[in-house]
C-alpha atoms as a PDB file:
ATOM      1  CA  MET A   1      21.400  70.870 145.865  1.00  0.00           C
ATOM      2  CA  SER A   2      18.025  71.286 147.884  1.00  0.00           C
ATOM      3  CA  PHE A   3      15.670  68.608 149.154  1.00  0.00           C
ATOM      4  CA  SER A   4      13.205  71.333 150.346  1.00  0.00           C
ATOM      5  CA  ASN A   5      10.251  68.500 150.055  1.00  0.00           C
ATOM      6  CA  SER A   6      11.832  66.077 152.392  1.00  0.00           C
ATOM      7  CA  VAL A   7       9.646  64.215 154.837  1.00  0.00           C
ATOM      8  CA  PHE A   8      12.237  64.958 157.541  1.00  0.00           C
ATOM      9  CA  LYS A   9      12.594  68.607 157.071  1.00  0.00           C
ATOM     10  CA  GLY A  10      12.888  70.405 160.473  1.00  0.00           C
ATOM     11  CA  GLN A  11      13.505  66.882 162.052  1.00  0.00           C
ATOM     12  CA  VAL A  12      16.597  66.593 164.695  1.00  0.00           C
ATOM     13  CA  ALA A  13      19.311  64.290 163.548  1.00  0.00           C
ATOM     14  CA  VAL A  14      22.379  63.000 165.415  1.00  0.00           C
ATOM     15  CA  VAL A  15      25.067  61.769 163.191  1.00  0.00           C
ATOM     16  CA  THR A  16      28.145  60.332 164.777  1.00  0.00           C
ATOM     17  CA  GLY A  17      31.633  61.305 163.160  1.00  0.00           C
ATOM     18  CA  GLY A  18      29.988  63.957 161.529  1.00  0.00           C
ATOM     19  CA  VAL A  19      32.813  66.159 160.583  1.00  0.00           C
ATOM     20  CA  THR A  20      34.615  64.046 157.926  1.00  0.00           C
ATOM     21  CA  GLY A  21      34.117  61.371 155.204  1.00  0.00           C
ATOM     22  CA  ILE A  22      30.636  59.685 155.066  1.00  0.00           C
ATOM     23  CA  GLY A  23      29.586  61.532 158.297  1.00  0.00           C
ATOM     24  CA  LEU A  24      30.316  64.677 156.896  1.00  0.00           C
ATOM     25  CA  GLY A  25      28.751  63.834 153.584  1.00  0.00           C
ATOM     26  CA  VAL A  26      25.450  62.584 155.474  1.00  0.00           C
ATOM     27  CA  ALA A  27      25.333  66.075 157.444  1.00  0.00           C
ATOM     28  CA  GLN A  28      25.354  68.056 154.185  1.00  0.00           C
ATOM     29  CA  ALA A  29      23.059  66.270 152.621  1.00  0.00           C
ATOM     30  CA  PHE A  30      20.559  66.339 155.830  1.00  0.00           C
ATOM     31  CA  SER A  31      21.224  70.102 156.220  1.00  0.00           C
ATOM     32  CA  ASP A  32      20.233  70.444 152.298  1.00  0.00           C
ATOM     33  CA  ALA A  33      16.872  68.664 153.433  1.00  0.00           C
ATOM     34  CA  GLY A  34      16.236  71.093 156.105  1.00  0.00           C
ATOM     35  CA  LEU A  35      17.078  68.807 159.227  1.00  0.00           C
ATOM     36  CA  ARG A  36      18.608  70.391 162.294  1.00  0.00           C
ATOM     37  CA  LEU A  37      21.811  68.613 163.307  1.00  0.00           C
ATOM     38  CA  ALA A  38      23.821  67.301 166.215  1.00  0.00           C
ATOM     39  CA  LEU A  39      27.379  66.324 165.152  1.00  0.00           C
ATOM     40  CA  THR A  40      30.146  64.155 166.985  1.00  0.00           C
ATOM     41  CA  TYR A  41      33.654  64.644 166.276  1.00  0.00           C
ATOM     42  CA  ARG A  42      37.267  63.966 167.694  1.00  0.00           C
ATOM     43  CA  ASN A  43      39.302  66.599 165.744  1.00  0.00           C
ATOM     44  CA  GLU A  44      39.041  70.104 166.567  1.00  0.00           C
ATOM     45  CA  ASP A  45      40.463  71.119 162.806  1.00  0.00           C
ATOM     46  CA  HIS A  46      37.777  68.883 161.028  1.00  0.00           C
ATOM     47  CA  ARG A  47      35.159  70.674 163.433  1.00  0.00           C
ATOM     48  CA  ALA A  48      36.337  74.020 162.617  1.00  0.00           C
ATOM     49  CA  GLN A  49      36.157  73.257 158.787  1.00  0.00           C
ATOM     50  CA  THR A  50      32.749  71.941 159.260  1.00  0.00           C
ATOM     51  CA  ALA A  51      31.338  74.881 161.085  1.00  0.00           C
ATOM     52  CA  ALA A  52      32.728  76.932 158.268  1.00  0.00           C
ATOM     53  CA  TRP A  53      30.864  75.035 155.781  1.00  0.00           C
ATOM     54  CA  PHE A  54      27.729  75.596 157.437  1.00  0.00           C
ATOM     55  CA  ALA A  55      28.452  79.267 158.081  1.00  0.00           C
ATOM     56  CA  ALA A  56      29.383  79.634 154.385  1.00  0.00           C
ATOM     57  CA  LYS A  57      25.854  78.354 153.595  1.00  0.00           C
ATOM     58  CA  GLY A  58      24.320  80.405 156.099  1.00  0.00           C
ATOM     59  CA  ARG A  59      22.931  77.529 158.038  1.00  0.00           C
ATOM     60  CA  GLU A  60      22.001  76.921 161.484  1.00  0.00           C
ATOM     61  CA  GLU A  61      25.388  75.834 163.096  1.00  0.00           C
ATOM     62  CA  PRO A  62      25.129  72.104 164.306  1.00  0.00           C
ATOM     63  CA  LEU A  63      25.528  71.398 167.802  1.00  0.00           C
ATOM     64  CA  PHE A  64      29.017  69.906 168.137  1.00  0.00           C
ATOM     65  CA  LEU A  65      29.730  67.221 170.229  1.00  0.00           C
ATOM     66  CA  LYS A  66      33.184  65.885 171.194  1.00  0.00           C
ATOM     67  CA  LEU A  67      32.512  62.224 171.569  1.00  0.00           C
ATOM     68  CA  ASP A  68      34.661  58.886 171.814  1.00  0.00           C
ATOM     69  CA  VAL A  69      31.895  56.397 170.744  1.00  0.00           C
ATOM     70  CA  THR A  70      33.516  53.782 172.879  1.00  0.00           C
ATOM     71  CA  ASP A  71      32.680  55.936 176.255  1.00  0.00           C
ATOM     72  CA  ARG A  72      29.237  54.820 177.215  1.00  0.00           C
ATOM     73  CA  ALA A  73      28.900  57.671 180.249  1.00  0.00           C
ATOM     74  CA  ALA A  74      29.958  60.489 177.361  1.00  0.00           C
ATOM     75  CA  PHE A  75      27.392  58.960 175.141  1.00  0.00           C
ATOM     76  CA  ALA A  76      24.497  59.318 177.598  1.00  0.00           C
ATOM     77  CA  ALA A  77      25.683  62.742 178.511  1.00  0.00           C
ATOM     78  CA  ALA A  78      25.412  63.604 174.792  1.00  0.00           C
ATOM     79  CA  ALA A  79      22.070  62.260 174.359  1.00  0.00           C
ATOM     80  CA  ALA A  80      21.037  64.385 177.179  1.00  0.00           C
ATOM     81  CA  GLU A  81      22.713  67.381 175.707  1.00  0.00           C
ATOM     82  CA  VAL A  82      20.986  67.110 172.545  1.00  0.00           C
ATOM     83  CA  GLU A  83      17.691  66.666 174.062  1.00  0.00           C
ATOM     84  CA  ALA A  84      18.164  69.998 176.171  1.00  0.00           C
ATOM     85  CA  HIS A  85      19.401  71.781 173.114  1.00  0.00           C
ATOM     86  CA  PHE A  86      16.689  70.719 170.422  1.00  0.00           C
ATOM     87  CA  GLY A  87      13.802  69.545 172.662  1.00  0.00           C
ATOM     88  CA  ALA A  88      13.510  66.247 170.751  1.00  0.00           C
ATOM     89  CA  VAL A  89      15.570  63.740 168.776  1.00  0.00           C
ATOM     90  CA  HIS A  90      14.369  62.074 165.708  1.00  0.00           C
ATOM     91  CA  VAL A  91      17.127  60.593 163.735  1.00  0.00           C
ATOM     92  CA  LEU A  92      20.160  58.760 164.525  1.00  0.00           C
ATOM     93  CA  VAL A  93      23.050  57.845 162.467  1.00  0.00           C
ATOM     94  CA  ASN A  94      25.816  55.455 163.927  1.00  0.00           C
ATOM     95  CA  ASN A  95      28.478  56.362 161.451  1.00  0.00           C
ATOM     96  CA  ALA A  96      31.798  56.584 163.352  1.00  0.00           C
ATOM     97  CA  GLY A  97      34.245  53.472 162.684  1.00  0.00           C
ATOM     98  CA  VAL A  98      37.810  52.853 162.049  1.00  0.00           C
ATOM     99  CA  SER A  99      39.173  50.946 159.261  1.00  0.00           C
ATOM    100  CA  VAL A 100      42.294  48.758 160.392  1.00  0.00           C
ATOM    101  CA  PHE A 101      43.515  45.679 158.681  1.00  0.00           C
ATOM    102  CA  GLY A 102      45.711  42.922 159.168  1.00  0.00           C
ATOM    103  CA  PRO A 103      45.606  39.009 159.039  1.00  0.00           C
ATOM    104  CA  THR A 104      43.257  37.757 161.676  1.00  0.00           C
ATOM    105  CA  ASP A 105      45.319  34.812 162.840  1.00  0.00           C
ATOM    106  CA  GLU A 106      47.820  37.203 164.318  1.00  0.00           C
ATOM    107  CA  ALA A 107      45.417  39.802 166.120  1.00  0.00           C
ATOM    108  CA  SER A 108      45.925  40.481 169.637  1.00  0.00           C
ATOM    109  CA  TYR A 109      43.034  41.020 172.013  1.00  0.00           C
ATOM    110  CA  ASP A 110      43.871  44.765 171.906  1.00  0.00           C
ATOM    111  CA  ASP A 111      43.055  44.472 168.203  1.00  0.00           C
ATOM    112  CA  PHE A 112      39.639  42.916 168.777  1.00  0.00           C
ATOM    113  CA  ASP A 113      38.922  45.105 171.546  1.00  0.00           C
ATOM    114  CA  TRP A 114      39.645  48.352 169.625  1.00  0.00           C
ATOM    115  CA  ILE A 115      38.163  47.795 166.427  1.00  0.00           C
ATOM    116  CA  MET A 116      35.058  45.720 167.790  1.00  0.00           C
ATOM    117  CA  GLY A 117      34.786  48.603 170.548  1.00  0.00           C
ATOM    118  CA  VAL A 118      34.358  51.495 168.072  1.00  0.00           C
ATOM    119  CA  ASN A 119      32.775  49.757 165.064  1.00  0.00           C
ATOM    120  CA  PHE A 120      29.930  47.727 166.831  1.00  0.00           C
ATOM    121  CA  GLY A 121      30.163  48.888 170.544  1.00  0.00           C
ATOM    122  CA  GLY A 122      29.621  52.824 169.212  1.00  0.00           C
ATOM    123  CA  VAL A 123      26.419  51.504 167.353  1.00  0.00           C
ATOM    124  CA  VAL A 124      25.542  49.866 170.697  1.00  0.00           C
ATOM    125  CA  ASN A 125      26.146  53.066 172.545  1.00  0.00           C
ATOM    126  CA  GLY A 126      24.215  55.147 170.165  1.00  0.00           C
ATOM    127  CA  ILE A 127      21.343  52.901 170.375  1.00  0.00           C
ATOM    128  CA  VAL A 128      21.289  52.727 174.070  1.00  0.00           C
ATOM    129  CA  SER A 129      21.560  56.340 174.649  1.00  0.00           C
ATOM    130  CA  PHE A 130      19.211  57.825 171.861  1.00  0.00           C
ATOM    131  CA  MET A 131      16.588  55.163 171.577  1.00  0.00           C
ATOM    132  CA  PRO A 132      14.396  55.943 174.235  1.00  0.00           C
ATOM    133  CA  ARG A 133      14.379  59.656 173.339  1.00  0.00           C
ATOM    134  CA  ILE A 134      13.623  58.831 169.582  1.00  0.00           C
ATOM    135  CA  LYS A 135      10.605  56.345 170.481  1.00  0.00           C
ATOM    136  CA  ALA A 136       9.279  59.154 172.677  1.00  0.00           C
ATOM    137  CA  ALA A 137       9.425  61.787 169.987  1.00  0.00           C
ATOM    138  CA  THR A 138       6.990  62.639 167.373  1.00  0.00           C
ATOM    139  CA  GLY A 139       6.572  62.741 163.538  1.00  0.00           C
ATOM    140  CA  ARG A 140       8.871  61.062 161.233  1.00  0.00           C
ATOM    141  CA  ARG A 141      11.898  58.991 162.975  1.00  0.00           C
ATOM    142  CA  HIS A 142      14.745  56.862 161.867  1.00  0.00           C
ATOM    143  CA  VAL A 143      17.812  54.836 162.791  1.00  0.00           C
ATOM    144  CA  VAL A 144      20.502  54.392 160.301  1.00  0.00           C
ATOM    145  CA  ASN A 145      23.543  52.136 161.197  1.00  0.00           C
ATOM    146  CA  VAL A 146      26.340  52.567 158.705  1.00  0.00           C
ATOM    147  CA  ALA A 147      28.030  49.494 158.038  1.00  0.00           C
ATOM    148  CA  SER A 148      29.886  48.735 155.028  1.00  0.00           C
ATOM    149  CA  MET A 149      30.184  46.297 152.043  1.00  0.00           C
ATOM    150  CA  ALA A 150      32.327  44.204 154.351  1.00  0.00           C
ATOM    151  CA  ALA A 151      29.044  43.007 156.096  1.00  0.00           C
ATOM    152  CA  PHE A 152      28.529  41.048 153.143  1.00  0.00           C
ATOM    153  CA  LEU A 153      31.885  40.458 151.807  1.00  0.00           C
ATOM    154  CA  PRO A 154      34.775  39.167 153.663  1.00  0.00           C
ATOM    155  CA  GLY A 155      38.654  39.777 152.978  1.00  0.00           C
ATOM    156  CA  PRO A 156      41.870  38.177 153.933  1.00  0.00           C
ATOM    157  CA  GLN A 157      43.084  41.594 155.844  1.00  0.00           C
ATOM    158  CA  ALA A 158      40.113  42.473 157.221  1.00  0.00           C
ATOM    159  CA  GLY A 159      38.879  39.832 159.339  1.00  0.00           C
ATOM    160  CA  ILE A 160      37.985  41.755 162.519  1.00  0.00           C
ATOM    161  CA  TYR A 161      36.768  44.673 160.770  1.00  0.00           C
ATOM    162  CA  THR A 162      34.446  42.397 158.676  1.00  0.00           C
ATOM    163  CA  ALA A 163      33.388  40.853 161.999  1.00  0.00           C
ATOM    164  CA  SER A 164      32.341  44.349 163.182  1.00  0.00           C
ATOM    165  CA  LYS A 165      30.175  44.917 160.222  1.00  0.00           C
ATOM    166  CA  PHE A 166      28.699  41.466 159.975  1.00  0.00           C
ATOM    167  CA  ALA A 167      27.585  42.456 164.012  1.00  0.00           C
ATOM    168  CA  VAL A 168      26.406  45.837 162.683  1.00  0.00           C
ATOM    169  CA  ARG A 169      24.167  44.067 159.853  1.00  0.00           C
ATOM    170  CA  GLY A 170      22.740  41.321 162.142  1.00  0.00           C
ATOM    171  CA  LEU A 171      21.874  44.004 164.839  1.00  0.00           C
ATOM    172  CA  THR A 172      20.211  46.374 162.422  1.00  0.00           C
ATOM    173  CA  GLU A 173      18.259  43.781 160.725  1.00  0.00           C
ATOM    174  CA  SER A 174      16.833  42.544 164.034  1.00  0.00           C
ATOM    175  CA  LEU A 175      16.282  46.154 165.359  1.00  0.00           C
ATOM    176  CA  ARG A 176      14.158  46.682 162.400  1.00  0.00           C
ATOM    177  CA  TYR A 177      11.371  44.578 163.676  1.00  0.00           C
ATOM    178  CA  ASN A 178      11.675  45.946 167.221  1.00  0.00           C
ATOM    179  CA  LEU A 179      11.052  49.453 166.003  1.00  0.00           C
ATOM    180  CA  ALA A 180       8.348  48.997 163.662  1.00  0.00           C
ATOM    181  CA  PRO A 181       5.736  48.759 166.228  1.00  0.00           C
ATOM    182  CA  HIS A 182       6.756  52.140 167.523  1.00  0.00           C
ATOM    183  CA  GLY A 183       6.660  53.820 164.003  1.00  0.00           C
ATOM    184  CA  VAL A 184      10.298  54.310 163.792  1.00  0.00           C
ATOM    185  CA  GLY A 185      12.183  53.211 160.724  1.00  0.00           C
ATOM    186  CA  CYS A 186      15.363  51.345 160.873  1.00  0.00           C
ATOM    187  CA  SER A 187      18.400  50.917 157.975  1.00  0.00           C
ATOM    188  CA  LEU A 188      21.344  49.279 157.324  1.00  0.00           C
ATOM    189  CA  CYS A 189      23.571  51.346 155.167  1.00  0.00           C
ATOM    190  CA  CYS A 190      26.507  49.353 153.335  1.00  0.00           C
ATOM    191  CA  PRO A 191      28.789  51.597 151.496  1.00  0.00           C
ATOM    192  CA  ALA A 192      31.665  50.702 149.584  1.00  0.00           C
ATOM    193  CA  LEU A 193      34.879  52.534 148.184  1.00  0.00           C
ATOM    194  CA  THR A 194      34.170  56.192 149.352  1.00  0.00           C
ATOM    195  CA  ARG A 195      36.669  59.326 149.212  1.00  0.00           C
ATOM    196  CA  THR A 196      37.441  59.450 152.770  1.00  0.00           C
ATOM    197  CA  ASN A 197      40.700  59.654 154.854  1.00  0.00           C
ATOM    198  CA  ALA A 198      39.329  56.209 156.501  1.00  0.00           C
ATOM    199  CA  TRP A 199      42.577  54.612 155.490  1.00  0.00           C
ATOM    200  CA  ASP A 200      44.865  56.376 158.337  1.00  0.00           C
ATOM    201  CA  SER A 201      42.991  54.687 160.877  1.00  0.00           C
ATOM    202  CA  ALA A 202      45.870  52.499 162.114  1.00  0.00           C
ATOM    203  CA  LEU A 203      47.738  56.068 162.796  1.00  0.00           C
ATOM    204  CA  LYS A 204      45.175  56.872 165.149  1.00  0.00           C
ATOM    205  CA  ARG A 205      45.296  53.965 167.374  1.00  0.00           C
ATOM    206  CA  PRO A 206      44.599  54.563 171.251  1.00  0.00           C
ATOM    207  CA  ALA A 207      47.563  53.913 173.397  1.00  0.00           C
ATOM    208  CA  GLU A 208      45.386  51.920 175.634  1.00  0.00           C
ATOM    209  CA  PHE A 209      45.200  49.237 172.664  1.00  0.00           C
ATOM    210  CA  GLY A 210      48.526  49.562 171.867  1.00  0.00           C
ATOM    211  CA  GLU A 211      49.412  45.635 171.991  1.00  0.00           C
ATOM    212  CA  SER A 212      48.714  45.025 168.447  1.00  0.00           C
ATOM    213  CA  GLY A 213      49.362  41.467 167.010  1.00  0.00           C
ATOM    214  CA  PHE A 214      49.796  43.256 163.330  1.00  0.00           C
ATOM    215  CA  ALA A 215      52.924  43.992 161.836  1.00  0.00           C
ATOM    216  CA  PRO A 216      53.699  47.603 161.974  1.00  0.00           C
ATOM    217  CA  VAL A 217      52.322  49.441 159.189  1.00  0.00           C
ATOM    218  CA  GLU A 218      54.709  52.305 157.539  1.00  0.00           C
ATOM    219  CA  ARG A 219      52.740  55.584 157.020  1.00  0.00           C
ATOM    220  CA  SER A 220      54.080  55.564 153.453  1.00  0.00           C
ATOM    221  CA  GLU A 221      52.374  52.212 152.962  1.00  0.00           C
ATOM    222  CA  LEU A 222      49.289  53.442 154.260  1.00  0.00           C
ATOM    223  CA  GLU A 223      49.292  56.391 152.131  1.00  0.00           C
ATOM    224  CA  GLN A 224      49.678  54.240 148.942  1.00  0.00           C
ATOM    225  CA  PHE A 225      46.875  52.184 149.937  1.00  0.00           C
ATOM    226  CA  GLY A 226      44.927  55.423 150.667  1.00  0.00           C
ATOM    227  CA  THR A 227      45.437  56.507 146.915  1.00  0.00           C
ATOM    228  CA  ALA A 228      42.708  53.857 146.219  1.00  0.00           C
ATOM    229  CA  PHE A 229      40.041  55.820 148.106  1.00  0.00           C
ATOM    230  CA  GLU A 230      40.544  58.628 145.735  1.00  0.00           C
ATOM    231  CA  ALA A 231      38.380  56.484 143.104  1.00  0.00           C
ATOM    232  CA  GLY A 232      35.647  56.191 145.345  1.00  0.00           C
ATOM    233  CA  MET A 233      32.391  57.780 145.591  1.00  0.00           C
ATOM    234  CA  ASP A 234      31.790  61.299 146.800  1.00  0.00           C
ATOM    235  CA  PRO A 235      30.641  61.259 150.499  1.00  0.00           C
ATOM    236  CA  TYR A 236      28.011  63.644 149.586  1.00  0.00           C
ATOM    237  CA  GLU A 237      26.451  61.462 147.282  1.00  0.00           C
ATOM    238  CA  VAL A 238      26.281  58.597 150.040  1.00  0.00           C
ATOM    239  CA  GLY A 239      24.783  60.929 152.263  1.00  0.00           C
ATOM    240  CA  THR A 240      21.802  62.021 149.889  1.00  0.00           C
ATOM    241  CA  LYS A 241      21.130  57.877 149.044  1.00  0.00           C
ATOM    242  CA  ILE A 242      20.813  57.643 152.911  1.00  0.00           C
ATOM    243  CA  LEU A 243      18.334  60.318 153.097  1.00  0.00           C
ATOM    244  CA  ARG A 244      16.470  59.145 150.004  1.00  0.00           C
ATOM    245  CA  GLY A 245      16.612  55.393 151.580  1.00  0.00           C
ATOM    246  CA  MET A 246      15.114  56.835 154.879  1.00  0.00           C
ATOM    247  CA  GLU A 247      12.514  58.725 152.937  1.00  0.00           C
ATOM    248  CA  ARG A 248      11.583  55.417 151.350  1.00  0.00           C
ATOM    249  CA  GLY A 249      11.514  53.487 154.502  1.00  0.00           C
ATOM    250  CA  ASP A 250      14.195  50.959 152.918  1.00  0.00           C
ATOM    251  CA  GLY A 251      15.437  48.393 155.469  1.00  0.00           C
ATOM    252  CA  LEU A 252      18.848  48.364 153.077  1.00  0.00           C
ATOM    253  CA  ILE A 253      20.773  50.989 151.692  1.00  0.00           C
ATOM    254  CA  LEU A 254      23.122  49.998 149.110  1.00  0.00           C
ATOM    255  CA  THR A 255      25.117  53.002 147.783  1.00  0.00           C
ATOM    256  CA  HIS A 256      27.307  51.224 144.822  1.00  0.00           C
ATOM    257  CA  PRO A 257      26.115  49.673 142.079  1.00  0.00           C
ATOM    258  CA  GLU A 258      29.404  47.276 141.282  1.00  0.00           C
ATOM    259  CA  PHE A 259      28.353  44.081 143.389  1.00  0.00           C
ATOM    260  CA  ALA A 260      26.013  42.244 141.738  1.00  0.00           C
ATOM    261  CA  GLU A 261      28.520  39.764 140.725  1.00  0.00           C
ATOM    262  CA  ASP A 262      29.359  39.173 144.509  1.00  0.00           C
ATOM    263  CA  PHE A 263      25.945  39.064 145.586  1.00  0.00           C
ATOM    264  CA  ARG A 264      25.054  36.570 142.657  1.00  0.00           C
ATOM    265  CA  GLU A 265      27.854  34.262 144.039  1.00  0.00           C
ATOM    266  CA  ILE A 266      26.718  34.372 147.821  1.00  0.00           C
ATOM    267  CA  TYR A 267      23.223  33.570 146.925  1.00  0.00           C
ATOM    268  CA  GLU A 268      24.042  30.538 144.373  1.00  0.00           C
ATOM    269  CA  THR A 269      26.765  29.354 146.910  1.00  0.00           C
ATOM    270  CA  SER A 270      24.409  29.605 149.753  1.00  0.00           C
ATOM    271  CA  LEU A 271      21.707  27.583 147.874  1.00  0.00           C
ATOM    272  CA  ALA A 272      24.117  25.028 146.835  1.00  0.00           C
ATOM    273  CA  ALA A 273      25.609  24.566 150.553  1.00  0.00           C
ATOM    274  CA  LEU A 274      21.836  23.424 151.657  1.00  0.00           C
ATOM    275  CA  PRO A 275      21.644  19.495 151.900  1.00  0.00           C
ATOM    276  CA  ASP A 276      19.443  17.978 149.079  1.00  0.00           C
ATOM    277  CA  GLU A 277      17.122  16.292 151.319  1.00  0.00           C
ATOM    278  CA  GLU A 278      13.238  16.716 153.123  1.00  0.00           C
ATOM    279  CA  ALA A 279      12.987  18.578 156.106  1.00  0.00           C
ATOM    280  CA  PRO A 280      10.757  17.153 158.652  1.00  0.00           C
ATOM    281  CA  PRO A 281       7.228  18.666 159.060  1.00  0.00           C
ATOM    282  CA  GLU A 282       7.728  19.533 162.790  1.00  0.00           C
ATOM    283  CA  ARG A 283      10.727  21.551 161.943  1.00  0.00           C
ATOM    284  CA  LEU A 284       9.210  23.244 158.826  1.00  0.00           C
ATOM    285  CA  ALA A 285       6.135  24.044 161.064  1.00  0.00           C
ATOM    286  CA  ILE A 286       8.585  25.921 163.388  1.00  0.00           C
ATOM    287  CA  GLU A 287      10.377  28.070 160.499  1.00  0.00           C
ATOM    288  CA  ASN A 288       6.728  28.967 159.058  1.00  0.00           C
ATOM    289  CA  LEU A 289       6.033  30.372 162.379  1.00  0.00           C
ATOM    290  CA  ARG A 290       9.276  32.297 162.463  1.00  0.00           C
ATOM    291  CA  ARG A 291       8.618  33.786 158.944  1.00  0.00           C
ATOM    292  CA  ALA A 292       5.155  34.633 159.783  1.00  0.00           C
ATOM    293  CA  ALA A 293       6.416  36.280 162.789  1.00  0.00           C
ATOM    294  CA  MET A 294       8.657  38.310 160.798  1.00  0.00           C
ATOM    295  CA  ALA A 295       6.092  39.433 158.546  1.00  0.00           C
ATOM    296  CA  ALA A 296       3.831  40.532 161.508  1.00  0.00           C
ATOM    297  CA  ALA A 297       6.845  42.653 163.191  1.00  0.00           C
ATOM    298  CA  GLN A 298       7.586  44.181 159.897  1.00  0.00           C
ATOM    299  CA  ALA A 299       3.894  45.152 159.807  1.00  0.00           C
ATOM    300  CA  GLY A 300       3.925  46.591 163.262  1.00  0.00           C
ATOM    301  CA  THR A 301       3.278  44.005 165.757  1.00  0.00           C
ATOM    302  CA  VAL A 302       5.108  43.281 168.805  1.00  0.00           C
ATOM    303  CA  ILE A 303       6.513  39.585 168.516  1.00  0.00           C
ATOM    304  CA  GLY A 304       7.276  37.720 171.746  1.00  0.00           C
ATOM    305  CA  LEU A 305       8.652  34.346 172.476  1.00  0.00           C
ATOM    306  CA  GLY A 306       5.287  33.008 172.277  1.00  0.00           C
ATOM    307  CA  ASP A 307       4.908  33.763 168.818  1.00  0.00           C
ATOM    308  CA  LEU A 308       7.809  31.639 167.850  1.00  0.00           C
ATOM    309  CA  THR A 309       6.641  28.106 168.762  1.00  0.00           C
END
């Protein structure tokens, strides 16, 4: 597929976790649109397979960066390497993550530190490392933080995972207002079931986070769980939807259509939970200032604390 008319053609994009799953789908869609790529990875075999795909297509080979997204010093070094290699950075897709499940009431500190450190901390590290460079670049620029439908839909086995994705959602929705005055787009992407190997994250647990409160999971059980992912969306389709959302300047990119019932329930439950009483005028005035400030920020105005009171 070709997106030769993309407004991002020729821009430099960094995709974390860019050699497998959704990250690879994003990289392939971006390549089809003419973007130049830097891809972070952990596994050498996956890196080689991705390099072979680009070679077979006759495309420019991405700049491959071996990176643990929790390593802040390595992230900063990677950002400097991307800028030295390409001269500028225009797009950041914070995609790398782990999918690890277990009852939250049994979780250990290591469970929290590992999952939050990758899924939320990795996004933070990407923003801190690359944001100054993206703001300094010219032309179309964009940040995409890939969360999950878990950013809206909690589950009994996904408490820490859900917390990490809720955190990415809140961070991204606020960051959007900060980046608008700089002409930088910002999107939250929440994919659902996708054909990836994310199910095996628990088998890749680092030794330094080895004290889990979750019961050990047998590989056979994880493989059975992984069969659900076979019904998932093709990662390339997710990548094309992210690209199209960026091109439109969408703040929220939802890739899967099957959640209207869930969103309706969230909306109706939230409205029903509001007290049926009048709010005092002085509180209403503050909330109206907040709404006005948000609209102004979205339109490109820098908002300070003085605009909120």
